[in-house]
Amino acid sequence: MFVLLVKYKCKTGCRDAFFDAIRNDHIDEKSRSEEGCIRYEYSLGIADDELILTEVWQDEKAIESHKNSEHFAKLGDLKTEYVENTEIMKFKAEQV
């Protein structure tokens, strides 16, 4: 199992618009419905311009399939519009 923690530093004043666009395009729902997705959840960061994404995937194959999806490409387009910087941390984990 793999855990990804993604921190989006949004352009000033754009966090809510970015989050709204993600939900309006159902990117979160589509990602959660993918085979191998265990968790896909957004939360607000501590700073006003941060949006945090927590992803848990069954294996690398599920992550690669997600990266090749249409909604992942759409998220990339939204990031171009709303996000200054993206930080990703990836961890291999086991359920305890």
N, C-alpha and C. Protein backbone atom coordinates (compact mmCIF):
# COMPACT_ATOMS: atom_id res chain seq x y z
N MET A 1 0.85 -1.15 0.00
CA MET A 1 0.00 0.00 0.00
C MET A 1 0.91 1.23 0.00
N PHE A 2 0.44 2.29 -0.68
CA PHE A 2 1.19 3.54 -0.76
C PHE A 2 0.32 4.71 -0.30
N VAL A 3 0.94 5.60 0.46
CA VAL A 3 0.28 6.81 0.93
C VAL A 3 0.97 7.99 0.27
N LEU A 4 0.18 8.87 -0.33
CA LEU A 4 0.71 10.10 -0.91
C LEU A 4 0.09 11.28 -0.17
N LEU A 5 0.94 12.19 0.27
CA LEU A 5 0.50 13.44 0.88
C LEU A 5 0.90 14.54 -0.08
N VAL A 6 -0.10 15.25 -0.58
CA VAL A 6 0.12 16.28 -1.60
C VAL A 6 -0.28 17.63 -1.02
N LYS A 7 0.65 18.58 -1.05
CA LYS A 7 0.35 19.93 -0.56
C LYS A 7 0.38 20.88 -1.75
N TYR A 8 -0.77 21.47 -2.04
CA TYR A 8 -0.88 22.46 -3.09
C TYR A 8 -0.78 23.85 -2.46
N LYS A 9 0.19 24.63 -2.91
CA LYS A 9 0.26 26.04 -2.52
C LYS A 9 -0.41 26.80 -3.64
N CYS A 10 -1.61 27.28 -3.35
CA CYS A 10 -2.41 27.93 -4.37
C CYS A 10 -1.99 29.39 -4.56
N LYS A 11 -2.26 29.90 -5.73
CA LYS A 11 -2.06 31.32 -5.98
C LYS A 11 -2.92 32.10 -5.00
N THR A 12 -2.48 33.28 -4.64
CA THR A 12 -3.16 34.09 -3.64
C THR A 12 -4.66 34.21 -3.96
N GLY A 13 -5.47 33.86 -2.98
CA GLY A 13 -6.92 33.97 -3.11
C GLY A 13 -7.59 32.91 -3.96
N CYS A 14 -6.85 31.87 -4.37
CA CYS A 14 -7.40 30.88 -5.32
C CYS A 14 -7.74 29.52 -4.71
N ARG A 15 -7.44 29.33 -3.42
CA ARG A 15 -7.66 27.99 -2.83
C ARG A 15 -9.11 27.54 -2.95
N ASP A 16 -10.05 28.39 -2.58
CA ASP A 16 -11.45 27.98 -2.62
C ASP A 16 -11.92 27.71 -4.04
N ALA A 17 -11.48 28.53 -4.98
CA ALA A 17 -11.86 28.32 -6.38
C ALA A 17 -11.28 27.00 -6.91
N PHE A 18 -10.05 26.68 -6.52
CA PHE A 18 -9.42 25.43 -6.93
C PHE A 18 -10.20 24.24 -6.36
N PHE A 19 -10.51 24.30 -5.08
CA PHE A 19 -11.26 23.22 -4.43
C PHE A 19 -12.65 23.08 -5.04
N ASP A 20 -13.31 24.20 -5.30
CA ASP A 20 -14.63 24.16 -5.95
C ASP A 20 -14.55 23.52 -7.33
N ALA A 21 -13.52 23.86 -8.10
CA ALA A 21 -13.35 23.30 -9.45
C ALA A 21 -13.12 21.79 -9.38
N ILE A 22 -12.34 21.34 -8.40
CA ILE A 22 -12.11 19.91 -8.21
C ILE A 22 -13.44 19.19 -7.96
N ARG A 23 -14.25 19.76 -7.08
CA ARG A 23 -15.54 19.13 -6.76
C ARG A 23 -16.53 19.25 -7.91
N ASN A 24 -16.55 20.40 -8.59
CA ASN A 24 -17.48 20.57 -9.72
C ASN A 24 -17.19 19.62 -10.87
N ASP A 25 -15.91 19.31 -11.08
CA ASP A 25 -15.51 18.37 -12.13
C ASP A 25 -15.51 16.92 -11.63
N HIS A 26 -15.88 16.73 -10.37
CA HIS A 26 -15.98 15.39 -9.76
C HIS A 26 -14.66 14.64 -9.77
N ILE A 27 -13.55 15.37 -9.73
CA ILE A 27 -12.23 14.73 -9.74
C ILE A 27 -12.06 13.86 -8.50
N ASP A 28 -12.50 14.37 -7.36
CA ASP A 28 -12.39 13.60 -6.13
C ASP A 28 -13.23 12.32 -6.19
N GLU A 29 -14.46 12.43 -6.63
CA GLU A 29 -15.35 11.26 -6.72
C GLU A 29 -14.82 10.23 -7.71
N LYS A 30 -14.38 10.71 -8.87
CA LYS A 30 -13.86 9.79 -9.89
C LYS A 30 -12.61 9.07 -9.40
N SER A 31 -11.76 9.79 -8.68
CA SER A 31 -10.55 9.17 -8.15
C SER A 31 -10.89 8.11 -7.11
N ARG A 32 -11.82 8.43 -6.22
CA ARG A 32 -12.22 7.47 -5.18
C ARG A 32 -12.84 6.21 -5.77
N SER A 33 -13.44 6.31 -6.95
CA SER A 33 -14.10 5.15 -7.55
C SER A 33 -13.14 4.27 -8.35
N GLU A 34 -11.89 4.69 -8.47
CA GLU A 34 -10.92 3.89 -9.23
C GLU A 34 -10.55 2.62 -8.48
N GLU A 35 -10.28 1.57 -9.25
CA GLU A 35 -9.83 0.32 -8.66
C GLU A 35 -8.49 0.55 -7.96
N GLY A 36 -8.38 0.08 -6.76
CA GLY A 36 -7.13 0.21 -6.01
C GLY A 36 -7.03 1.45 -5.16
N CYS A 37 -8.04 2.32 -5.23
CA CYS A 37 -8.05 3.52 -4.39
C CYS A 37 -8.67 3.18 -3.04
N ILE A 38 -7.91 3.40 -1.99
CA ILE A 38 -8.38 3.13 -0.64
C ILE A 38 -8.88 4.41 0.02
N ARG A 39 -8.20 5.52 -0.29
CA ARG A 39 -8.61 6.82 0.27
C ARG A 39 -8.13 7.93 -0.67
N TYR A 40 -8.97 8.94 -0.82
CA TYR A 40 -8.65 10.11 -1.64
C TYR A 40 -9.45 11.25 -1.04
N GLU A 41 -8.77 12.09 -0.25
CA GLU A 41 -9.49 13.08 0.55
C GLU A 41 -8.74 14.41 0.60
N TYR A 42 -9.46 15.48 0.33
CA TYR A 42 -8.91 16.82 0.42
C TYR A 42 -9.22 17.43 1.78
N SER A 43 -8.31 18.29 2.24
CA SER A 43 -8.54 19.06 3.45
C SER A 43 -7.85 20.41 3.31
N LEU A 44 -8.30 21.36 4.10
CA LEU A 44 -7.70 22.69 4.06
C LEU A 44 -6.41 22.68 4.85
N GLY A 45 -5.39 23.34 4.31
CA GLY A 45 -4.12 23.44 5.01
C GLY A 45 -4.17 24.50 6.10
N ILE A 46 -3.11 24.58 6.85
CA ILE A 46 -3.01 25.57 7.92
C ILE A 46 -2.97 26.98 7.34
N ALA A 47 -2.18 27.17 6.31
CA ALA A 47 -2.09 28.48 5.65
C ALA A 47 -3.32 28.68 4.77
N ASP A 48 -3.70 29.93 4.58
CA ASP A 48 -4.89 30.27 3.80
C ASP A 48 -4.81 29.80 2.35
N ASP A 49 -3.61 29.61 1.84
CA ASP A 49 -3.46 29.26 0.42
C ASP A 49 -3.11 27.79 0.20
N GLU A 50 -3.26 26.94 1.22
CA GLU A 50 -2.90 25.53 1.10
C GLU A 50 -4.12 24.63 1.02
N LEU A 51 -4.02 23.65 0.12
CA LEU A 51 -5.00 22.58 0.04
C LEU A 51 -4.20 21.28 0.12
N ILE A 52 -4.63 20.37 0.98
CA ILE A 52 -3.91 19.12 1.22
C ILE A 52 -4.73 17.96 0.66
N LEU A 53 -4.06 17.05 -0.02
CA LEU A 53 -4.68 15.84 -0.54
C LEU A 53 -4.00 14.63 0.08
N THR A 54 -4.79 13.75 0.67
CA THR A 54 -4.29 12.49 1.21
C THR A 54 -4.81 11.38 0.30
N GLU A 55 -3.87 10.62 -0.24
CA GLU A 55 -4.23 9.50 -1.12
C GLU A 55 -3.66 8.21 -0.54
N VAL A 56 -4.43 7.14 -0.60
CA VAL A 56 -3.94 5.82 -0.24
C VAL A 56 -4.32 4.88 -1.37
N TRP A 57 -3.31 4.20 -1.91
CA TRP A 57 -3.51 3.31 -3.06
C TRP A 57 -3.02 1.91 -2.71
N GLN A 58 -3.70 0.94 -3.27
CA GLN A 58 -3.39 -0.47 -3.02
C GLN A 58 -1.97 -0.82 -3.46
N ASP A 59 -1.57 -0.33 -4.65
CA ASP A 59 -0.26 -0.68 -5.18
C ASP A 59 0.15 0.32 -6.26
N GLU A 60 1.35 0.13 -6.79
CA GLU A 60 1.89 1.02 -7.83
C GLU A 60 1.04 0.98 -9.10
N LYS A 61 0.50 -0.19 -9.41
CA LYS A 61 -0.33 -0.33 -10.60
C LYS A 61 -1.54 0.61 -10.51
N ALA A 62 -2.16 0.70 -9.35
CA ALA A 62 -3.32 1.58 -9.15
C ALA A 62 -2.91 3.04 -9.31
N ILE A 63 -1.74 3.40 -8.81
CA ILE A 63 -1.26 4.78 -8.93
C ILE A 63 -1.02 5.12 -10.40
N GLU A 64 -0.39 4.22 -11.13
CA GLU A 64 -0.12 4.47 -12.54
C GLU A 64 -1.41 4.58 -13.35
N SER A 65 -2.37 3.75 -13.04
CA SER A 65 -3.66 3.83 -13.72
C SER A 65 -4.32 5.18 -13.44
N HIS A 66 -4.25 5.62 -12.20
CA HIS A 66 -4.79 6.93 -11.82
C HIS A 66 -4.12 8.05 -12.62
N LYS A 67 -2.80 7.98 -12.73
CA LYS A 67 -2.04 9.01 -13.46
C LYS A 67 -2.42 9.08 -14.94
N ASN A 68 -2.95 8.00 -15.47
CA ASN A 68 -3.33 7.95 -16.88
C ASN A 68 -4.81 8.24 -17.11
N SER A 69 -5.53 8.62 -16.07
CA SER A 69 -6.96 8.87 -16.20
C SER A 69 -7.24 10.28 -16.74
N GLU A 70 -8.42 10.44 -17.32
CA GLU A 70 -8.83 11.75 -17.84
C GLU A 70 -8.97 12.78 -16.72
N HIS A 71 -9.50 12.36 -15.58
CA HIS A 71 -9.69 13.30 -14.49
C HIS A 71 -8.35 13.74 -13.87
N PHE A 72 -7.32 12.89 -13.94
CA PHE A 72 -5.99 13.30 -13.48
C PHE A 72 -5.44 14.39 -14.42
N ALA A 73 -5.66 14.23 -15.72
CA ALA A 73 -5.24 15.25 -16.68
C ALA A 73 -5.98 16.56 -16.43
N LYS A 74 -7.26 16.46 -16.12
CA LYS A 74 -8.06 17.66 -15.82
C LYS A 74 -7.53 18.35 -14.57
N LEU A 75 -7.12 17.58 -13.56
CA LEU A 75 -6.53 18.16 -12.36
C LEU A 75 -5.26 18.93 -12.72
N GLY A 76 -4.49 18.41 -13.64
CA GLY A 76 -3.28 19.11 -14.10
C GLY A 76 -3.63 20.45 -14.73
N ASP A 77 -4.70 20.49 -15.51
CA ASP A 77 -5.15 21.75 -16.11
C ASP A 77 -5.56 22.75 -15.03
N LEU A 78 -6.28 22.27 -14.03
CA LEU A 78 -6.70 23.15 -12.93
C LEU A 78 -5.50 23.66 -12.14
N LYS A 79 -4.51 22.81 -11.94
CA LYS A 79 -3.31 23.24 -11.22
C LYS A 79 -2.62 24.39 -11.96
N THR A 80 -2.57 24.33 -13.27
CA THR A 80 -1.97 25.40 -14.05
C THR A 80 -2.67 26.73 -13.78
N GLU A 81 -3.96 26.67 -13.62
CA GLU A 81 -4.75 27.88 -13.39
C GLU A 81 -4.67 28.39 -11.96
N TYR A 82 -4.65 27.48 -10.97
CA TYR A 82 -4.83 27.89 -9.58
C TYR A 82 -3.63 27.68 -8.64
N VAL A 83 -2.65 26.89 -9.03
CA VAL A 83 -1.62 26.45 -8.09
C VAL A 83 -0.25 27.01 -8.45
N GLU A 84 0.46 27.50 -7.43
CA GLU A 84 1.84 27.98 -7.60
C GLU A 84 2.84 26.85 -7.50
N ASN A 85 2.62 25.95 -6.53
CA ASN A 85 3.61 24.91 -6.24
C ASN A 85 2.91 23.67 -5.67
N THR A 86 3.45 22.51 -6.02
CA THR A 86 2.93 21.25 -5.49
C THR A 86 4.07 20.47 -4.86
N GLU A 87 3.87 20.03 -3.62
CA GLU A 87 4.83 19.17 -2.92
C GLU A 87 4.18 17.81 -2.71
N ILE A 88 4.90 16.75 -3.05
CA ILE A 88 4.37 15.39 -2.91
C ILE A 88 5.32 14.56 -2.07
N MET A 89 4.75 13.90 -1.07
CA MET A 89 5.50 12.93 -0.28
C MET A 89 4.83 11.58 -0.48
N LYS A 90 5.64 10.56 -0.75
CA LYS A 90 5.11 9.22 -1.01
C LYS A 90 5.73 8.24 -0.01
N PHE A 91 4.87 7.44 0.61
CA PHE A 91 5.32 6.48 1.61
C PHE A 91 4.78 5.11 1.29
N LYS A 92 5.61 4.10 1.48
CA LYS A 92 5.14 2.71 1.40
C LYS A 92 4.67 2.36 2.80
N ALA A 93 3.50 1.76 2.90
CA ALA A 93 2.91 1.50 4.21
C ALA A 93 2.28 0.12 4.25
N GLU A 94 2.03 -0.32 5.45
CA GLU A 94 1.24 -1.54 5.64
C GLU A 94 0.18 -1.24 6.67
N GLN A 95 -0.95 -1.86 6.50
CA GLN A 95 -2.05 -1.65 7.42
C GLN A 95 -1.78 -2.43 8.70
N VAL A 96 -2.00 -1.77 9.82
CA VAL A 96 -1.75 -2.45 11.12
C VAL A 96 -3.05 -2.61 11.88
